[in-house]
Protein backbone atom coordinates (compact mmCIF):
# COMPACT_ATOMS: atom_id res chain seq x y z
CA MET A 1 2.57 -4.09 -13.17
CA LEU A 2 4.97 -1.59 -11.65
CA PHE A 3 5.26 -0.77 -7.93
CA THR A 4 6.41 2.62 -6.73
CA HIS A 5 8.30 1.24 -3.73
CA ARG A 6 8.05 -1.56 -1.18
CA ALA A 7 5.58 0.27 1.08
CA GLU A 8 3.14 0.76 -1.80
CA ALA A 9 3.57 -2.87 -2.83
CA GLY A 10 2.74 -3.86 0.75
CA GLU A 11 -0.47 -1.82 0.72
CA ARG A 12 -1.60 -3.52 -2.48
CA LEU A 13 -0.60 -6.95 -1.25
CA ALA A 14 -2.57 -6.39 1.97
CA GLU A 15 -5.72 -5.92 -0.10
CA ALA A 16 -5.25 -9.36 -1.63
CA LEU A 17 -4.77 -10.89 1.83
CA ARG A 18 -7.77 -9.41 3.64
CA HIS A 19 -9.60 -12.74 3.43
CA LEU A 20 -7.10 -14.03 6.03
CA LYS A 21 -7.81 -11.36 8.64
CA GLY A 22 -10.37 -13.54 10.41
CA GLU A 23 -7.73 -16.26 10.95
CA ALA A 24 -5.68 -14.00 13.27
CA PRO A 25 -2.49 -14.59 11.24
CA VAL A 26 1.13 -13.90 12.06
CA VAL A 27 3.05 -11.98 9.37
CA LEU A 28 6.71 -12.79 8.81
CA GLY A 29 8.92 -10.68 6.57
CA LEU A 30 11.98 -11.97 4.78
CA PRO A 31 14.78 -9.55 5.62
CA ARG A 32 15.77 -7.22 4.47
CA GLY A 33 13.57 -6.10 1.56
CA GLY A 34 10.54 -8.15 2.54
CA VAL A 35 10.13 -6.43 5.91
CA PRO A 36 8.85 -3.03 4.64
CA VAL A 37 6.29 -4.96 2.56
CA ALA A 38 5.35 -7.21 5.49
CA TYR A 39 5.01 -4.22 7.84
CA ARG A 40 2.24 -2.76 5.68
CA VAL A 41 0.52 -6.13 5.44
CA ALA A 42 0.67 -6.67 9.21
CA ARG A 43 -0.66 -3.20 9.93
CA ALA A 44 -3.57 -3.63 7.52
CA LEU A 45 -4.50 -7.03 8.98
CA GLY A 46 -3.93 -6.04 12.62
CA ALA A 47 -1.43 -8.89 12.89
CA PRO A 48 1.84 -9.31 14.82
CA LEU A 49 5.02 -8.93 12.76
CA ASP A 50 8.28 -10.86 12.95
CA VAL A 51 11.07 -11.96 10.64
CA VAL A 52 11.91 -15.37 9.27
CA VAL A 53 15.65 -15.33 8.75
CA VAL A 54 16.96 -17.35 5.82
CA ARG A 55 20.10 -16.91 3.76
CA LYS A 56 20.46 -17.44 0.04
CA LEU A 57 23.33 -19.70 -1.04
CA GLY A 58 24.92 -17.94 -3.98
CA VAL A 59 27.09 -19.50 -6.66
CA PRO A 60 30.65 -18.34 -5.80
CA HIS A 61 31.44 -16.85 -9.22
CA HIS A 62 27.91 -15.45 -9.68
CA ARG A 63 26.56 -14.41 -6.28
CA GLU A 64 23.22 -13.18 -7.62
CA LEU A 65 22.40 -16.71 -8.76
CA GLY A 66 21.20 -18.75 -5.82
CA PHE A 67 21.68 -22.50 -5.74
CA GLY A 68 19.71 -22.81 -2.50
CA ALA A 69 19.04 -21.35 0.93
CA ILE A 70 19.35 -22.15 4.62
CA GLY A 71 17.07 -21.09 7.45
CA GLU A 72 16.72 -21.11 11.21
CA GLY A 73 16.38 -24.51 12.76
CA GLY A 74 18.85 -26.15 10.34
CA VAL A 75 16.53 -26.05 7.31
CA ARG A 76 18.37 -26.42 3.99
CA VAL A 77 16.96 -26.18 0.45
CA VAL A 78 19.20 -26.78 -2.58
CA SER A 79 18.45 -26.72 -6.31
CA GLU A 80 20.32 -29.68 -7.73
CA ASP A 81 19.79 -28.39 -11.27
CA ILE A 82 21.64 -25.16 -10.51
CA VAL A 83 24.36 -27.02 -8.62
CA ARG A 84 24.98 -29.24 -11.66
CA GLY A 85 24.70 -26.38 -14.13
CA SER A 86 27.16 -24.27 -12.15
CA ARG A 87 29.55 -27.22 -11.67
CA LEU A 88 29.78 -26.76 -7.91
CA ASP A 89 31.74 -29.32 -5.93
CA PRO A 90 31.03 -30.26 -2.28
CA GLN A 91 33.82 -28.01 -1.01
CA ASP A 92 32.27 -24.97 -2.74
CA ILE A 93 28.87 -25.74 -1.23
CA GLU A 94 30.27 -26.28 2.26
CA ALA A 95 32.24 -23.00 2.19
CA VAL A 96 29.21 -20.98 1.13
CA GLU A 97 26.95 -22.65 3.70
CA HIS A 98 29.45 -22.05 6.51
CA ALA A 99 29.68 -18.33 5.73
CA GLU A 100 25.93 -17.90 5.35
CA ALA A 101 25.19 -19.78 8.59
CA ALA A 102 27.30 -17.27 10.51
CA GLU A 103 25.49 -14.38 8.83
CA LEU A 104 22.11 -15.99 9.56
CA ALA A 105 22.90 -16.10 13.29
CA ARG A 106 24.11 -12.49 13.23
CA GLN A 107 20.99 -11.25 11.47
CA ALA A 108 18.61 -13.04 13.82
CA ALA A 109 20.28 -11.41 16.83
CA ARG A 110 20.53 -8.03 15.10
CA PHE A 111 16.90 -7.83 13.99
CA ARG A 112 15.14 -9.24 17.06
CA GLY A 113 17.46 -8.06 19.79
CA ASP A 114 16.24 -9.45 23.10
CA ARG A 115 12.73 -10.18 21.81
CA PRO A 116 11.75 -13.83 21.39
CA ARG A 117 10.26 -15.08 18.14
CA VAL A 118 6.51 -14.65 17.82
CA PRO A 119 4.99 -18.09 18.64
CA LEU A 120 3.69 -19.86 15.53
CA ASP A 121 2.16 -23.01 17.04
CA GLY A 122 -1.18 -23.71 15.40
CA ARG A 123 -1.27 -20.32 13.65
CA THR A 124 -1.81 -19.22 10.08
CA VAL A 125 1.50 -17.67 9.03
CA ILE A 126 1.92 -15.27 6.10
CA VAL A 127 5.47 -15.23 4.75
CA VAL A 128 6.12 -12.00 2.83
CA ASP A 129 8.93 -10.95 0.50
CA ASP A 130 9.32 -8.06 -1.93
CA GLY A 131 9.49 -10.47 -4.86
CA ILE A 132 10.72 -13.88 -5.96
CA ALA A 133 13.39 -14.81 -8.48
CA THR A 134 14.22 -18.52 -8.14
CA GLY A 135 12.06 -19.14 -5.08
CA ALA A 136 14.70 -21.02 -3.10
CA THR A 137 14.73 -18.50 -0.25
CA ALA A 138 10.94 -18.40 -0.07
CA ALA A 139 10.75 -22.20 -0.06
CA ALA A 140 13.24 -22.35 2.82
CA ALA A 141 11.21 -19.76 4.72
CA CYS A 142 8.05 -21.82 4.33
CA GLU A 143 9.83 -24.92 5.62
CA VAL A 144 11.23 -22.96 8.57
CA VAL A 145 7.82 -21.77 9.75
CA ARG A 146 6.33 -25.25 9.35
CA ALA A 147 9.10 -26.62 11.55
CA GLN A 148 8.25 -23.93 14.10
CA GLY A 149 4.67 -25.18 14.38
CA ALA A 150 2.64 -23.19 11.84
CA ALA A 151 -0.67 -24.86 11.02
CA ARG A 152 -1.04 -23.12 7.66
CA VAL A 153 1.56 -21.30 5.55
CA VAL A 154 0.68 -18.59 3.05
CA LEU A 155 3.41 -17.15 0.84
CA ALA A 156 2.67 -13.60 -0.35
CA VAL A 157 4.73 -11.52 -2.76
CA PRO A 158 4.05 -8.62 -5.13
CA VAL A 159 5.82 -10.15 -8.16
CA ALA A 160 7.36 -13.45 -9.29
CA PRO A 161 7.87 -15.43 -12.51
CA PRO A 162 5.10 -17.95 -13.29
CA ASP A 163 7.32 -21.01 -13.00
CA ALA A 164 8.54 -20.01 -9.53
CA VAL A 165 4.96 -19.53 -8.33
CA ALA A 166 4.05 -22.96 -9.66
CA ARG A 167 6.99 -24.59 -7.86
CA LEU A 168 6.20 -22.84 -4.58
CA GLY A 169 2.71 -24.29 -4.57
CA SER A 170 4.22 -27.38 -2.98
CA ALA A 171 6.04 -25.39 -0.28
CA ALA A 172 3.07 -23.28 0.86
CA ASP A 173 -0.60 -24.03 1.42
CA GLU A 174 -1.49 -20.89 -0.53
CA VAL A 175 0.54 -18.57 -2.74
CA VAL A 176 -0.67 -14.99 -3.25
CA CYS A 177 1.19 -13.10 -5.98
CA LEU A 178 -0.04 -9.86 -7.55
CA ALA A 179 1.91 -10.14 -10.81
CA THR A 180 3.42 -13.11 -12.65
CA PRO A 181 5.04 -11.60 -15.78
CA HIS A 182 6.49 -14.01 -18.34
CA ALA A 183 9.19 -11.52 -19.32
CA PHE A 184 10.84 -11.73 -15.89
CA ARG A 185 14.54 -11.10 -15.35
CA ALA A 186 14.85 -9.50 -11.90
CA VAL A 187 12.58 -8.36 -9.08
CA GLY A 188 13.99 -4.82 -9.15
CA GLU A 189 12.70 -4.24 -12.68
CA TRP A 190 9.16 -4.14 -11.29
CA TYR A 191 9.81 -1.30 -8.83
CA GLN A 192 10.46 2.37 -9.49
CA ASP A 193 12.47 2.50 -6.26
CA PHE A 194 14.22 -0.74 -5.36
CA SER A 195 17.01 0.75 -3.25
CA GLN A 196 18.58 -1.52 -0.66
CA THR A 197 16.77 -1.82 2.68
CA PRO A 198 19.29 -1.17 5.50
CA ASP A 199 19.41 -3.21 8.69
CA GLU A 200 18.38 -0.11 10.64
CA GLU A 201 15.06 0.10 8.82
CA VAL A 202 14.30 -3.55 9.57
CA VAL A 203 15.14 -3.07 13.26
CA PHE A 204 12.97 0.07 13.44
CA LEU A 205 9.92 -1.50 11.79
CA LEU A 206 10.09 -4.62 13.95
CA ALA A 207 10.46 -2.54 17.12
CA ARG A 208 7.55 -0.32 16.12
CA ALA A 209 5.35 -3.33 15.42
CA ALA A 210 6.37 -4.95 18.71
CA ALA A 211 5.36 -1.80 20.60
CA ASP A 212 1.80 -2.49 19.44
CA PRO A 213 1.26 -6.16 18.46
CA ALA A 214 -1.79 -5.16 16.38
CA GLY A 215 0.41 -2.92 14.24
CA ARG A 216 -1.21 0.33 15.31
CA PRO A 217 1.02 3.42 15.63
CA PRO A 218 0.68 5.34 18.92
CA VAL A 219 -2.00 8.04 18.66
CA ARG A 220 -1.96 11.36 20.51
CA THR A 221 -5.41 13.00 20.82
CA VAL A 222 -5.97 16.59 21.95
CA GLU A 223 -8.95 18.93 22.01
CA VAL A 224 -8.30 22.03 19.91
CA GLU A 225 -9.97 25.39 19.34
CA VAL A 226 -10.04 26.19 15.65
CA ASP A 227 -10.16 29.67 14.19
CA ALA A 228 -12.38 29.21 11.15
CA GLY A 229 -12.94 32.88 10.30
CA GLY A 230 -15.98 33.19 12.57
CA PRO A 231 -16.84 31.69 15.93
CA VAL A 232 -14.16 29.49 17.49
CA LEU A 233 -14.90 25.83 16.69
CA VAL A 234 -14.02 22.98 19.04
CA GLY A 235 -12.50 19.80 17.62
CA ASP A 236 -10.64 16.60 18.47
CA LEU A 237 -7.28 16.23 16.73
CA ALA A 238 -5.83 12.69 16.70
CA ARG A 239 -2.32 12.29 15.32
CA PRO A 240 -0.68 8.86 15.00
CA GLU A 241 3.07 8.80 15.29
CA GLY A 242 4.54 9.30 11.82
CA ALA A 243 1.23 10.36 10.24
CA GLY A 244 1.60 11.06 6.53
CA ALA A 245 -1.59 13.07 6.04
CA VAL A 246 -4.60 14.49 7.90
CA VAL A 247 -8.33 14.03 7.25
CA VAL A 248 -10.83 16.67 8.35
CA PHE A 249 -14.36 15.41 9.02
CA ALA A 250 -17.19 17.59 7.73
CA HIS A 251 -20.23 16.54 9.73
CA GLY A 252 -23.71 16.65 8.30
CA SER A 253 -27.26 16.97 9.58
CA GLY A 254 -27.78 15.09 12.83
CA SER A 255 -24.06 14.39 13.12
CA GLY A 256 -21.09 15.90 14.91
CA ARG A 257 -17.68 15.24 16.38
CA ARG A 258 -19.27 13.01 19.04
CA SER A 259 -20.99 10.82 16.45
CA PRO A 260 -20.10 7.15 17.15
CA ARG A 261 -20.07 6.45 13.40
CA ASN A 262 -17.62 9.22 12.58
CA ARG A 263 -15.44 8.41 15.57
CA SER A 264 -15.33 4.76 14.51
CA VAL A 265 -14.20 5.65 10.99
CA ALA A 266 -11.67 8.16 12.35
CA ALA A 267 -10.19 5.51 14.66
CA ASP A 268 -9.72 3.16 11.71
CA LEU A 269 -8.02 5.95 9.74
CA ASN A 270 -5.72 6.56 12.73
CA ARG A 271 -4.82 2.86 12.73
CA ALA A 272 -3.94 3.26 9.05
CA GLY A 273 -1.49 6.03 9.99
CA LEU A 274 -3.67 9.04 9.11
CA ALA A 275 -4.27 11.98 11.44
CA THR A 276 -7.89 13.12 11.84
CA LEU A 277 -9.67 16.28 12.95
CA LEU A 278 -13.28 15.90 14.06
CA LEU A 279 -14.85 19.29 14.65
CA ASP A 280 -18.30 20.81 14.72
CA LEU A 281 -18.72 23.38 11.94
CA LEU A 282 -21.60 24.97 13.85
CA THR A 283 -21.85 26.14 17.45
CA PRO A 284 -24.57 24.54 19.64
CA ALA A 285 -26.66 27.70 19.28
CA GLU A 286 -26.36 27.64 15.50
CA GLU A 287 -27.30 23.96 15.32
CA ALA A 288 -30.62 24.76 16.95
CA ASP A 289 -31.70 26.44 13.71
CA ARG A 290 -32.00 23.61 11.13
CA ALA A 291 -31.58 26.09 8.29
CA ASN A 292 -27.90 26.43 9.27
CA VAL A 293 -27.38 22.70 8.73
CA PHE A 294 -28.31 23.15 5.08
CA ASP A 295 -26.36 26.39 4.54
CA ILE A 296 -23.82 24.57 2.41
CA GLU A 297 -21.89 27.68 1.40
CA ASN A 298 -21.30 28.70 5.02
CA LEU A 299 -20.31 25.17 6.04
CA ALA A 300 -17.90 24.97 3.09
CA ARG A 301 -16.29 28.30 4.01
CA ARG A 302 -15.74 27.20 7.62
CA LEU A 303 -14.38 23.84 6.51
CA ALA A 304 -11.84 25.54 4.23
CA GLU A 305 -10.83 28.01 6.96
CA ALA A 306 -10.47 25.24 9.53
CA THR A 307 -8.32 23.22 7.14
CA ALA A 308 -6.09 26.22 6.44
CA TRP A 309 -5.65 26.66 10.22
CA LEU A 310 -4.81 22.97 10.58
CA ARG A 311 -2.25 22.92 7.77
CA ARG A 312 -0.42 25.87 9.32
CA ARG A 313 -0.15 23.74 12.45
CA GLU A 314 0.50 20.25 11.08
CA PHE A 315 2.18 20.78 7.68
CA LEU A 316 0.53 17.65 6.27
CA PRO A 317 -1.39 16.94 3.05
CA ALA A 318 -5.10 17.19 3.83
CA GLY A 319 -8.29 15.44 2.75
CA TRP A 320 -11.98 15.82 3.64
CA PHE A 321 -14.43 13.16 4.81
CA GLY A 322 -18.03 14.32 4.57
CA ALA A 323 -21.26 12.74 5.76
CA SER A 324 -24.75 13.85 4.66
CA THR A 325 -24.73 17.67 4.14
CA GLY A 326 -21.09 17.66 5.25
CA ALA A 327 -20.23 15.89 2.00
CA ALA A 328 -21.89 18.71 0.05
CA ALA A 329 -19.87 21.25 2.04
CA ALA A 330 -16.64 19.37 1.29
CA LEU A 331 -17.36 19.26 -2.44
CA TRP A 332 -18.49 22.89 -2.49
CA ALA A 333 -15.20 23.91 -0.88
CA ALA A 334 -13.21 21.61 -3.18
CA GLY A 335 -14.80 23.39 -6.15
CA GLU A 336 -13.51 26.80 -5.06
CA THR A 337 -10.82 28.40 -7.22
CA GLY A 338 -7.41 27.54 -5.78
CA ALA A 339 -8.77 24.91 -3.38
CA ASP A 340 -5.77 23.02 -1.99
CA ILE A 341 -7.19 19.67 -0.93
CA GLY A 342 -5.80 16.26 -1.82
CA ALA A 343 -8.87 13.99 -1.74
CA VAL A 344 -12.55 13.90 -0.76
CA VAL A 345 -14.64 10.99 0.55
CA SER A 346 -18.42 11.16 0.93
CA ARG A 347 -20.26 8.67 3.20
CA GLY A 348 -23.98 8.50 2.57
CA GLY A 349 -23.60 12.10 1.46
CA ARG A 350 -25.64 14.63 -0.44
CA PRO A 351 -23.14 15.71 -3.11
CA ASP A 352 -26.06 16.94 -5.21
CA LEU A 353 -26.37 19.90 -2.81
CA ALA A 354 -23.03 21.20 -4.10
CA GLY A 355 -24.83 21.96 -7.36
CA GLU A 356 -22.79 23.60 -10.10
CA ARG A 357 -19.65 23.45 -7.96
CA LEU A 358 -19.31 19.74 -8.72
CA ALA A 359 -17.91 20.37 -12.20
CA ALA A 360 -15.14 22.54 -10.70
CA VAL A 361 -13.90 19.93 -8.20
CA ARG A 362 -10.35 18.79 -8.96
CA ALA A 363 -9.61 16.62 -5.92
CA PRO A 364 -10.03 12.84 -6.40
CA THR A 365 -13.49 12.05 -5.01
CA LEU A 366 -14.90 8.79 -3.62
CA LEU A 367 -18.66 8.46 -3.11
CA ILE A 368 -19.74 5.67 -0.71
CA VAL A 369 -23.43 4.78 -0.51
CA GLY A 370 -25.38 1.93 1.07
CA GLY A 371 -26.96 -0.46 -1.39
CA ARG A 372 -30.35 -0.16 0.35
CA ASP A 373 -30.23 3.65 0.55
CA SER A 374 -31.98 3.95 -2.81
CA THR A 375 -32.87 7.66 -2.75
CA VAL A 376 -29.39 8.81 -1.77
CA LEU A 377 -27.84 6.32 -4.20
CA ASP A 378 -29.78 7.88 -7.05
CA LEU A 379 -28.68 11.38 -5.97
CA ASN A 380 -25.05 10.24 -5.86
CA ARG A 381 -25.25 8.72 -9.32
CA ARG A 382 -26.57 11.99 -10.68
CA ALA A 383 -23.87 13.96 -8.89
CA GLN A 384 -21.16 11.63 -10.17
CA ARG A 385 -22.14 12.47 -13.74
CA GLU A 386 -21.37 16.13 -12.98
CA LEU A 387 -17.88 15.47 -11.60
CA ARG A 388 -14.92 16.04 -13.94
CA CYS A 389 -12.22 14.93 -11.50
CA GLU A 390 -10.99 11.41 -10.82
CA ASN A 391 -13.91 9.79 -9.04
CA ARG A 392 -15.50 6.50 -8.05
CA LEU A 393 -18.84 5.38 -6.65
CA GLU A 394 -18.66 2.49 -4.18
CA ILE A 395 -21.87 0.73 -3.08
CA VAL A 396 -21.80 -1.20 0.20
CA PRO A 397 -24.20 -4.14 -0.34
CA GLY A 398 -27.06 -4.42 2.12
CA ALA A 399 -26.24 -1.18 3.93
CA THR A 400 -28.80 1.50 4.74
CA HIS A 401 -28.23 5.23 5.18
CA LEU A 402 -26.48 5.03 8.57
CA PHE A 403 -24.40 1.91 7.74
CA GLU A 404 -25.58 0.26 10.96
CA GLU A 405 -25.53 -3.28 9.52
CA PRO A 406 -22.75 -5.64 10.74
CA GLY A 407 -19.51 -4.92 8.88
CA ALA A 408 -20.93 -2.00 6.87
CA LEU A 409 -19.05 0.74 8.70
CA ASP A 410 -15.85 -1.34 8.62
CA GLU A 411 -16.16 -1.42 4.84
CA VAL A 412 -16.63 2.36 4.77
CA ALA A 413 -13.46 2.81 6.82
CA ARG A 414 -11.51 0.44 4.58
CA LEU A 415 -12.60 2.19 1.39
CA ALA A 416 -11.91 5.63 2.84
CA GLY A 417 -8.53 4.61 4.23
CA ASP A 418 -7.43 3.17 0.90
CA TRP A 419 -8.57 6.28 -0.97
CA PHE A 420 -6.86 8.74 1.35
CA THR A 421 -3.67 6.70 1.58
CA ARG A 422 -3.45 6.41 -2.21
CA HIS A 423 -4.02 10.11 -2.87
CA LEU A 424 -2.54 11.85 0.17
CA VAL A 425 0.42 9.89 1.51
CA PRO A 426 3.68 10.51 -0.38
């Protein structure tokens, strides 16, 4: 398993930790490299983020080899095997500990500033790092958070050797690790980009998380008038701070920019750091004629024009989210020659109405259908057979056409957010 960078590893690790969301956990990153991973986990779980500051004790003549670690609150973990194997005497150990204790105090003040530690009393705490080599630092971190009152400690990392994971089972109540390769030499080998994380990045991510304890970036929402090559269309543009991409909603029959379902999904995408544009592809007068709702070619043309207008304004990679006939319009437009769209998601859509255009779609396409929406499910399965692009059909168990069942729309938002983030965000 190879990770592109720490942020991508954090996204994937968050998926494996979603079962903890209901426990209202606190996420703690091990600085420095563990914080970018932990930030993504905290944001996905809607959890507060903090650091747990520990320092590795490195063998003097081989600093990369750790013989132990120290942490806040006077916690100390030492591997006696490495101490003996490295022939360290008490004076060597004391000198290293003294230096690292000073650095530990400096880091804690540097990273947190004037903010107090996030209270851990009685909480489930997820300790996150970018990977584990010997496990001494991670073990110290687990002991630190227990001493600070955590009721349950979960250690989560993207990659670690099998023997380290086995040892850490005694330090944490649960260990979540995405990859445990036997041919393990260093954490950095499992990343394409394992460049050093500077202090400034840690400070920025912690401050950003503290500004919104649920990990949501600030969102600016404005009403816009969109020139879509015909009548002016009115839409709501929501742009989170630092958005990496934008998703345009193509509404279907009986739906629009005021639809509670679409607004709910859009809000979840905003929390995931994606900008959204909800607009009505038809004017109120046009909507009065139901034939216009099924004029897929016209809807597709307006969607493409609106997206071109948006990209001139926002300069972001764009994707389309379509519901019902809006999904057909999105796929029709995506099948046009030269279509410049990064990804398409259909929710309870009618992709079959895109007809022969399906085979020309090149954008990665996700079809989401309720398990109890049997007619539409059959239509989506048929349409999927016509697609030649990267595609996937996801069935939400127990959901009907409008996804009104408890948790159904949350699952739609999660699936859509993952798809757009994977295919749109650099």
